[in-house]
C-alpha atoms as a PDB file:
ATOM      1  CA  MET A   1      18.466  18.637 -19.132  1.00  0.00           C
ATOM      2  CA  VAL A   2      17.148  14.986 -18.593  1.00  0.00           C
ATOM      3  CA  GLY A   3      13.679  16.186 -19.118  1.00  0.00           C
ATOM      4  CA  ARG A   4      14.609  17.143 -22.690  1.00  0.00           C
ATOM      5  CA  LEU A   5      16.241  14.218 -23.601  1.00  0.00           C
ATOM      6  CA  ARG A   6      13.067  11.953 -22.303  1.00  0.00           C
ATOM      7  CA  PRO A   7      14.872   8.810 -20.960  1.00  0.00           C
ATOM      8  CA  PHE A   8      13.413   5.474 -22.224  1.00  0.00           C
ATOM      9  CA  GLU A   9      14.072   2.843 -19.668  1.00  0.00           C
ATOM     10  CA  ARG A  10      16.048   4.147 -16.179  1.00  0.00           C
ATOM     11  CA  VAL A  11      17.623   7.329 -14.822  1.00  0.00           C
ATOM     12  CA  ALA A  12      20.621   6.803 -12.280  1.00  0.00           C
ATOM     13  CA  PHE A  13      21.349   9.818  -9.571  1.00  0.00           C
ATOM     14  CA  THR A  14      25.051   9.956  -8.872  1.00  0.00           C
ATOM     15  CA  GLY A  15      27.096  12.126  -6.763  1.00  0.00           C
ATOM     16  CA  GLY A  16      26.764  13.250  -2.729  1.00  0.00           C
ATOM     17  CA  ALA A  17      23.345  15.022  -3.589  1.00  0.00           C
ATOM     18  CA  ALA A  18      21.882  11.695  -4.330  1.00  0.00           C
ATOM     19  CA  ARG A  19      21.967  10.457  -0.827  1.00  0.00           C
ATOM     20  CA  ASN A  20      19.509  12.702  -0.010  1.00  0.00           C
ATOM     21  CA  ASP A  21      15.923  10.617  -0.358  1.00  0.00           C
ATOM     22  CA  SER A  22      13.731  14.039  -0.274  1.00  0.00           C
ATOM     23  CA  LEU A  23      15.681  15.132  -3.372  1.00  0.00           C
ATOM     24  CA  ARG A  24      15.327  11.696  -5.224  1.00  0.00           C
ATOM     25  CA  HIS A  25      11.804  11.821  -4.324  1.00  0.00           C
ATOM     26  CA  CYS A  26      11.566  15.105  -5.964  1.00  0.00           C
ATOM     27  CA  LEU A  27      13.455  13.884  -9.411  1.00  0.00           C
ATOM     28  CA  GLU A  28      11.101  10.795  -9.286  1.00  0.00           C
ATOM     29  CA  ASN A  29       8.003  13.318  -9.347  1.00  0.00           C
ATOM     30  CA  VAL A  30       9.137  15.355 -12.049  1.00  0.00           C
ATOM     31  CA  LEU A  31      10.453  12.655 -14.032  1.00  0.00           C
ATOM     32  CA  GLY A  32       7.649  10.352 -13.457  1.00  0.00           C
ATOM     33  CA  MET A  33       9.835   7.190 -13.618  1.00  0.00           C
ATOM     34  CA  GLU A  34      11.709   5.489 -10.832  1.00  0.00           C
ATOM     35  CA  VAL A  35      15.335   7.137 -10.081  1.00  0.00           C
ATOM     36  CA  LEU A  36      18.250   4.833  -8.936  1.00  0.00           C
ATOM     37  CA  VAL A  37      20.818   5.798  -6.816  1.00  0.00           C
ATOM     38  CA  PRO A  38      23.909   3.383  -6.498  1.00  0.00           C
ATOM     39  CA  LYS A  39      25.080   2.088  -3.187  1.00  0.00           C
ATOM     40  CA  LYS A  40      28.310   4.257  -3.411  1.00  0.00           C
ATOM     41  CA  CYS A  41      26.849   7.041  -5.043  1.00  0.00           C
ATOM     42  CA  GLN A  42      28.844   9.863  -3.826  1.00  0.00           C
ATOM     43  CA  THR A  43      32.181   8.343  -5.675  1.00  0.00           C
ATOM     44  CA  ALA A  44      30.642   7.472  -9.044  1.00  0.00           C
ATOM     45  CA  GLY A  45      31.314  10.780 -10.210  1.00  0.00           C
ATOM     46  CA  VAL A  46      34.887  11.207  -9.280  1.00  0.00           C
ATOM     47  CA  LEU A  47      35.412   7.490 -10.695  1.00  0.00           C
ATOM     48  CA  GLY A  48      34.049   8.830 -14.353  1.00  0.00           C
ATOM     49  CA  ALA A  49      36.141  12.073 -14.029  1.00  0.00           C
ATOM     50  CA  THR A  50      39.483  10.073 -13.856  1.00  0.00           C
END
């Protein structure tokens, strides 16, 4: 989905999977840009859902 939207500036990766550095590196390679991971990435999605 993010590939279709073509972000212009930054991409943030949230959720528990964002703690996996290998997965983040894969996303960076596919997107061709840096992927930002917040310090408390595992709780970011939970806060947005409430």
